[in-house]
Protein backbone atom coordinates (compact mmCIF):
# COMPACT_ATOMS: atom_id res chain seq x y z
CA MET A 1 64.20 126.34 92.04
CA SER A 2 66.40 124.41 89.62
CA ASN A 3 67.25 120.77 90.31
CA LEU A 4 70.92 121.67 90.78
CA LEU A 5 70.08 124.40 93.28
CA THR A 6 67.79 122.01 95.16
CA LYS A 7 70.65 119.53 95.59
CA LEU A 8 72.98 122.31 96.73
CA ALA A 9 70.41 123.64 99.19
CA ALA A 10 70.04 120.23 100.84
CA ILE A 11 73.81 119.95 101.29
CA LYS A 12 74.02 123.53 102.59
CA GLU A 13 71.37 122.67 105.19
CA LYS A 14 73.42 119.65 106.30
CA TYR A 15 76.54 121.83 106.41
CA LEU A 16 74.84 124.32 108.75
CA TYR A 17 73.58 121.49 110.97
CA ILE A 18 77.11 120.08 111.29
CA GLU A 19 78.38 123.59 112.02
CA GLU A 20 76.04 123.71 115.01
CA GLN A 21 77.25 120.29 116.18
CA LEU A 22 80.84 121.54 116.28
CA SER A 23 79.89 123.89 119.12
CA ASP A 24 77.94 121.22 121.02
CA PRO A 25 79.72 120.37 124.34
CA SER A 26 79.00 116.64 123.83
CA VAL A 27 80.98 116.84 120.59
CA THR A 28 83.78 119.18 121.64
CA GLY A 29 84.35 117.02 124.72
CA ASN A 30 84.96 113.92 122.59
CA MET A 31 88.07 114.44 120.46
CA ASP A 32 87.49 111.42 118.18
CA LYS A 33 83.89 112.48 117.51
CA PHE A 34 84.91 116.11 117.02
CA MET A 35 87.63 115.17 114.50
CA LYS A 36 85.22 112.99 112.54
CA ILE A 37 82.49 115.66 112.39
CA ASN A 38 85.01 118.40 111.61
CA LYS A 39 86.35 116.33 108.70
CA GLU A 40 82.84 116.01 107.27
CA TYR A 41 82.34 119.76 107.79
CA LYS A 42 85.51 120.54 105.83
CA ASN A 43 84.45 118.18 103.02
CA LEU A 44 81.08 119.94 102.67
CA GLU A 45 82.55 123.45 102.84
CA PRO A 46 83.33 123.80 99.09
CA ILE A 47 79.78 122.71 98.19
CA ALA A 48 78.24 125.10 100.72
CA LYS A 49 80.30 127.92 99.21
CA ALA A 50 79.22 126.85 95.71
CA HIS A 51 75.59 126.98 96.83
CA ASP A 52 75.92 130.62 97.92
CA GLU A 53 77.68 131.66 94.70
CA TYR A 54 75.27 129.78 92.44
CA LYS A 55 72.17 131.10 94.26
CA GLN A 56 73.52 134.62 93.91
CA LEU A 57 74.02 134.01 90.17
CA ILE A 58 70.52 132.56 89.66
CA ASP A 59 68.93 135.37 91.69
CA GLY A 60 70.86 137.93 89.62
CA ILE A 61 69.66 136.38 86.34
CA ALA A 62 66.06 136.38 87.58
CA GLU A 63 66.34 140.02 88.67
CA CYS A 64 67.76 141.13 85.31
CA ARG A 65 65.00 139.32 83.42
CA GLU A 66 62.35 140.86 85.64
CA ILE A 67 63.69 144.35 84.85
CA LEU A 68 63.67 143.60 81.12
CA ASP A 69 60.11 142.32 81.35
CA SER A 70 58.66 145.12 83.48
CA SER A 71 60.75 148.31 83.28
CA ASP A 72 60.23 151.14 80.78
CA ASP A 73 63.45 152.94 81.76
CA PRO A 74 65.81 152.55 78.74
CA ASP A 75 68.98 153.11 80.81
CA LEU A 76 67.91 150.56 83.41
CA ARG A 77 66.99 148.07 80.71
CA GLU A 78 70.35 148.54 79.00
CA MET A 79 72.20 147.93 82.30
CA ALA A 80 70.07 144.86 82.99
CA LYS A 81 70.71 143.50 79.50
CA GLU A 82 74.47 143.96 79.86
CA GLU A 83 74.50 142.36 83.33
CA LEU A 84 72.35 139.45 82.13
CA GLY A 85 74.86 138.68 79.37
CA ILE A 86 77.72 138.58 81.88
CA LEU A 87 75.80 136.33 84.27
CA LEU A 88 74.63 133.92 81.56
CA GLU A 89 78.22 133.60 80.38
CA LYS A 90 79.22 132.49 83.88
CA GLN A 91 76.29 130.09 84.37
CA GLU A 92 77.35 127.08 82.30
CA PRO A 93 80.99 126.91 83.52
CA MET A 94 79.80 127.31 87.12
CA GLU A 95 77.25 124.51 86.70
CA GLU A 96 79.89 122.18 85.27
CA ASP A 97 82.17 122.88 88.24
CA ILE A 98 79.29 122.22 90.65
CA LYS A 99 78.46 118.91 88.95
CA GLN A 100 82.06 117.83 89.52
CA LEU A 101 81.75 118.77 93.20
CA LEU A 102 78.55 116.72 93.51
CA ILE A 103 80.09 113.50 92.17
CA PRO A 104 79.82 110.94 95.00
CA LYS A 105 83.21 110.45 96.60
CA ASP A 106 84.57 107.04 97.50
CA PRO A 107 84.61 107.09 101.33
CA GLU A 108 87.87 105.13 101.21
CA ASP A 109 89.72 107.82 99.23
CA GLU A 110 90.96 109.64 102.33
CA LYS A 111 92.34 106.47 103.89
CA ASP A 112 95.97 105.45 104.15
CA CYS A 113 96.95 102.37 102.18
CA ILE A 114 99.27 99.40 101.74
CA VAL A 115 101.04 99.09 98.40
CA GLU A 116 102.19 95.64 97.31
CA ILE A 117 104.65 95.33 94.42
CA ARG A 118 105.56 91.86 93.15
CA SER A 119 107.65 90.65 90.23
CA GLY A 120 105.60 88.78 87.63
CA THR A 121 106.38 87.07 84.33
CA GLY A 122 109.94 87.63 83.12
CA GLY A 123 112.32 86.13 85.67
CA ASP A 124 115.20 88.34 86.82
CA GLU A 125 114.14 91.22 84.57
CA ALA A 126 110.68 91.23 86.21
CA ALA A 127 112.29 91.57 89.65
CA ILE A 128 114.49 94.43 88.40
CA PHE A 129 111.39 96.13 87.00
CA ALA A 130 109.55 95.65 90.32
CA GLY A 131 112.46 97.54 91.90
CA ASP A 132 112.11 100.31 89.32
CA LEU A 133 108.40 100.63 90.12
CA PHE A 134 109.17 100.74 93.84
CA ARG A 135 111.62 103.62 93.33
CA MET A 136 109.08 105.38 91.07
CA TYR A 137 106.44 105.24 93.81
CA GLU A 138 108.98 106.30 96.44
CA ARG A 139 109.70 109.47 94.48
CA PHE A 140 105.99 110.14 93.87
CA ILE A 141 105.20 109.64 97.58
CA ASP A 142 108.01 112.02 98.58
CA LYS A 143 106.81 114.59 96.05
CA MET A 144 103.28 114.42 97.49
CA GLY A 145 104.61 114.98 101.01
CA TRP A 146 103.26 111.62 102.24
CA ARG A 147 104.99 109.24 104.63
CA LYS A 148 106.04 105.67 103.89
CA GLU A 149 107.08 102.66 105.92
CA ILE A 150 108.57 99.56 104.33
CA ILE A 151 106.87 96.49 105.78
CA THR A 152 108.89 93.89 103.92
CA MET A 153 111.35 93.84 101.03
CA ASN A 154 112.66 90.65 99.41
CA GLU A 155 115.67 91.33 97.22
CA SER A 156 116.38 89.38 94.04
CA GLU A 157 119.85 87.99 93.35
CA ALA A 158 119.96 89.74 89.95
CA GLY A 159 118.84 93.05 91.44
CA GLY A 160 115.45 94.52 92.20
CA TYR A 161 112.89 92.78 94.35
CA SER A 162 110.62 89.76 94.20
CA LYS A 163 108.20 91.68 96.43
CA VAL A 164 107.95 94.94 98.35
CA PHE A 165 105.18 95.88 100.78
CA LEU A 166 104.97 99.44 102.05
CA GLN A 167 102.49 101.43 104.08
CA VAL A 168 101.70 104.95 102.87
CA THR A 169 100.06 107.61 105.05
CA GLY A 170 98.94 111.15 104.28
CA ASP A 171 96.06 113.20 102.89
CA GLY A 172 94.03 111.46 100.17
CA VAL A 173 96.58 108.66 99.76
CA TYR A 174 94.26 105.84 98.66
CA GLY A 175 92.27 108.17 96.38
CA LYS A 176 95.42 108.77 94.32
CA LEU A 177 97.23 105.45 94.48
CA LYS A 178 94.24 103.13 93.99
CA TYR A 179 94.48 103.62 90.22
CA GLU A 180 97.92 101.98 90.26
CA SER A 181 96.49 98.52 91.03
CA GLY A 182 97.07 96.11 88.18
CA THR A 183 99.77 94.53 86.02
CA HIS A 184 102.52 96.86 84.80
CA ARG A 185 104.40 95.72 81.70
CA VAL A 186 107.91 96.77 80.66
CA GLN A 187 109.49 96.50 77.21
CA ARG A 188 113.26 97.02 77.09
CA ILE A 189 116.62 95.37 76.43
CA PRO A 190 117.72 93.67 79.67
CA LYS A 191 121.30 94.15 80.85
CA THR A 192 121.79 90.39 80.51
CA GLU A 193 120.64 90.34 76.84
CA SER A 194 123.67 89.89 74.58
CA GLN A 195 121.75 89.99 71.27
CA GLY A 196 120.21 93.42 71.89
CA ARG A 197 116.66 92.09 71.76
CA VAL A 198 113.75 93.82 73.48
CA HIS A 199 112.15 91.65 76.16
CA THR A 200 108.72 92.00 77.76
CA SER A 201 108.35 91.46 81.50
CA ALA A 202 105.75 92.33 84.11
CA ALA A 203 105.26 93.27 87.75
CA THR A 204 102.05 93.59 89.70
CA VAL A 205 100.84 96.35 91.99
CA ALA A 206 97.99 96.01 94.48
CA VAL A 207 96.81 98.99 96.53
CA MET A 208 94.56 98.31 99.52
CA PRO A 209 92.97 100.91 101.82
CA ILE A 210 93.83 100.64 105.49
CA LEU A 211 90.44 100.32 107.14
CA GLU A 212 89.62 101.67 110.58
CA GLN A 213 88.03 99.50 113.24
CA GLU A 214 84.88 101.59 112.90
CA ASP A 215 84.59 100.50 109.23
CA VAL A 216 84.11 96.87 110.17
CA HIS A 217 82.76 95.61 113.48
CA ILE A 218 84.87 92.73 114.75
CA ASN A 219 84.30 91.17 118.14
CA PRO A 220 87.72 90.12 119.54
CA ALA A 221 86.00 87.09 121.07
CA ASP A 222 85.23 85.86 117.54
CA LEU A 223 88.93 85.70 116.61
CA GLU A 224 91.18 82.66 116.93
CA TRP A 225 94.92 83.35 116.69
CA ASP A 226 97.71 80.89 115.83
CA THR A 227 101.43 81.48 115.41
CA PHE A 228 103.93 79.55 113.31
CA ARG A 229 107.40 79.90 111.86
CA ALA A 230 107.69 81.92 108.67
CA SER A 231 109.01 80.13 105.59
CA GLY A 232 111.03 81.23 102.58
CA ALA A 233 113.46 84.11 102.08
CA GLY A 234 113.00 87.01 104.42
CA GLY A 235 116.05 87.73 106.52
CA GLN A 236 117.74 86.46 109.62
CA HIS A 237 114.58 86.12 111.72
CA VAL A 238 112.82 83.73 109.35
CA ASN A 239 112.41 80.12 110.62
CA LYS A 240 113.99 81.01 113.99
CA THR A 241 110.96 82.46 115.77
CA GLU A 242 107.21 82.01 115.46
CA SER A 243 106.67 85.46 113.98
CA ALA A 244 104.08 84.40 111.39
CA VAL A 245 100.42 84.56 112.43
CA ARG A 246 97.09 83.12 111.35
CA VAL A 247 93.75 84.59 112.41
CA THR A 248 90.37 82.92 111.94
CA HIS A 249 87.15 84.93 112.09
CA ARG A 250 84.74 82.25 113.34
CA PRO A 251 81.37 83.81 112.28
CA SER A 252 82.43 84.24 108.63
CA GLY A 253 85.01 81.47 108.36
CA VAL A 254 87.53 83.93 106.89
CA ILE A 255 91.15 82.90 107.55
CA VAL A 256 94.09 85.26 107.04
CA GLU A 257 97.79 84.47 107.34
CA CYS A 258 100.68 86.92 107.44
CA GLN A 259 104.43 86.39 107.57
CA GLU A 260 105.54 89.54 105.75
CA GLY A 261 106.80 91.47 108.76
CA ARG A 262 109.80 90.52 110.86
CA SER A 263 107.95 90.70 114.16
CA GLN A 264 104.84 88.92 115.36
CA HIS A 265 103.42 92.29 116.46
CA LYS A 266 103.71 93.75 112.95
CA ASN A 267 102.29 90.60 111.39
CA ARG A 268 99.27 90.78 113.71
CA GLU A 269 98.68 94.38 112.57
CA ILE A 270 98.89 93.43 108.89
CA ALA A 271 96.71 90.34 109.41
CA MET A 272 94.02 92.49 111.05
CA GLN A 273 94.13 94.94 108.14
CA LYS A 274 93.73 92.09 105.67
CA LEU A 275 90.89 90.66 107.78
CA PHE A 276 89.21 94.08 107.86
CA ALA A 277 89.50 94.27 104.06
CA ARG A 278 88.11 90.75 103.54
CA LEU A 279 85.15 91.31 105.87
CA TYR A 280 84.51 94.78 104.41
CA GLU A 281 84.32 93.24 100.93
CA LEU A 282 81.89 90.60 102.21
CA GLN A 283 79.71 93.38 103.64
CA GLN A 284 79.79 95.27 100.36
CA GLU A 285 78.88 92.16 98.35
CA GLN A 286 75.74 91.73 100.44
CA HIS A 287 74.49 95.10 99.17
CA THR A 288 75.56 94.98 95.54
CA SER A 289 75.46 92.30 92.86
CA GLN A 290 78.66 93.45 91.19
CA MET A 291 82.03 94.62 92.44
CA THR A 292 82.97 98.19 91.61
CA ASP A 293 85.21 98.91 88.62
CA LEU A 294 88.02 99.93 90.92
CA ARG A 295 87.91 96.68 92.89
CA ARG A 296 87.70 94.64 89.70
CA SER A 297 90.83 96.39 88.47
CA LEU A 298 92.91 95.11 91.40
CA VAL A 299 95.62 92.84 90.12
CA VAL A 300 94.83 89.14 89.95
CA SER A 301 97.68 87.99 87.70
CA GLY A 302 101.27 88.75 86.81
CA ASP A 303 100.68 87.75 83.20
CA ARG A 304 102.12 90.17 80.63
CA SER A 305 98.85 90.17 78.65
CA ALA A 306 96.75 91.38 81.60
CA LYS A 307 98.30 94.83 81.67
CA ILE A 308 97.05 98.24 82.74
CA ARG A 309 100.16 100.17 81.73
CA THR A 310 103.16 99.60 79.47
CA TYR A 311 106.59 101.21 79.91
CA ASN A 312 108.43 101.08 76.58
CA TYR A 313 112.06 102.12 77.06
CA PRO A 314 113.24 102.14 73.41
CA GLN A 315 110.51 104.66 72.53
CA ASN A 316 110.56 106.52 75.89
CA ARG A 317 106.81 105.81 75.92
CA VAL A 318 104.30 105.12 78.68
CA THR A 319 100.77 103.96 77.76
CA ASP A 320 97.84 103.49 80.12
CA HIS A 321 95.63 100.93 78.37
CA ARG A 322 92.54 101.59 80.50
CA ILE A 323 92.06 105.06 79.03
CA ASN A 324 94.25 104.76 75.93
CA PHE A 325 96.51 107.56 77.21
CA THR A 326 100.11 107.77 75.96
CA LYS A 327 102.97 110.10 76.87
CA TYR A 328 106.56 110.06 75.60
CA ASN A 329 108.09 110.96 78.94
CA LEU A 330 109.08 107.60 80.44
CA THR A 331 112.23 109.05 82.01
CA GLU A 332 110.19 111.61 83.97
CA VAL A 333 107.53 109.05 84.92
CA MET A 334 110.13 106.72 86.41
CA GLU A 335 111.29 109.71 88.47
CA GLY A 336 107.83 109.87 90.06
CA GLU A 337 106.05 112.21 87.65
CA LEU A 338 102.75 110.29 87.71
CA ASP A 339 100.41 113.26 88.03
CA GLU A 340 99.23 113.36 84.41
CA PHE A 341 98.38 109.67 84.36
CA ILE A 342 96.54 109.73 87.69
CA GLN A 343 94.64 112.92 86.80
CA SER A 344 93.62 111.52 83.39
CA ILE A 345 92.26 108.34 84.98
CA GLN A 346 90.45 110.35 87.67
CA THR A 347 88.85 112.54 84.98
CA THR A 348 87.65 109.48 83.08
CA TYR A 349 86.17 107.80 86.14
CA ASN A 350 84.59 111.06 87.33
CA ALA A 351 82.94 111.51 83.93
CA GLU A 352 81.45 108.03 84.25
CA LYS A 353 80.25 108.76 87.80
CA LEU A 354 78.76 112.06 86.67
CA LYS A 355 76.85 110.31 83.88
CA GLU A 356 75.51 107.76 86.37
CA THR A 357 74.47 110.58 88.73
CA GLU A 358 72.62 112.47 85.99
CA GLU A 359 70.85 109.31 84.82
CA ALA A 360 69.78 108.39 88.36
């Protein structure tokens, strides 16, 4: 049995075991457990199907070769030779598809996420650009059929926003949007520029998965909550009520504050998500000496030089610097047509993961 078929067989065996669990009364009687197991079953289904098709192909090749080696019937040999050619032609493309299926998936990819957009270097123009990015993501989210909820939105006097936080829910949300984390740079002539000169400004995007309580074990007794009045711009409720919250996780010493939402209830939700994320990262760091490439790519600066993507308006050009990918369709991109960029980045990262898998 080939190494590829061995890997597929092991997954097919797991698939069949999970299939049996789905009819177990102890599972069907627990909706949360059933949904979790059924999700894993659905994820393994394409690989189980690939196992059956690939095994049929390998068995067919072996059968044709056996006929060519042992049969004296010229007609049978001719049929076997013709069939073998067809099967061998299918083998390599099928194996490449299977290798893509076997690439380890990030368990966070199916999670919902919070998208944070902030203006960076460039003053008023940076805030206007942050607003453009927000509208670009709005259109992309709508096109994908996902749902969005604006958590907070601070408008800039010149237009646009100094920051926008939104929650995005749907199928595979984080797996798509996580590649947007980083500094986005814009090159264009601002409306306020009287000399017609091109200016460079920046805005930052951070995409964080919304973790479930099962991802990180937190004992409520280990949490210490404080409330205080929010400060800075943020609407009529700011500074009038103690809507801002601070939570301290005593065992780890991690402290998280949140004053983004208008209500204390919403701020507690966001603070818990941030605490989950912080503690999850601490857990991950205990098992690995380096952060993953995706986590390292999360924005840490609004500096124009630390960019992942440039939007050049005079040339109608968009360039993703991580993969050196350029398209001259800026107008369409700003209307939410991000598919080509996201797919190109996914292909690059998957190729790297595949290489690591084959070397392991």
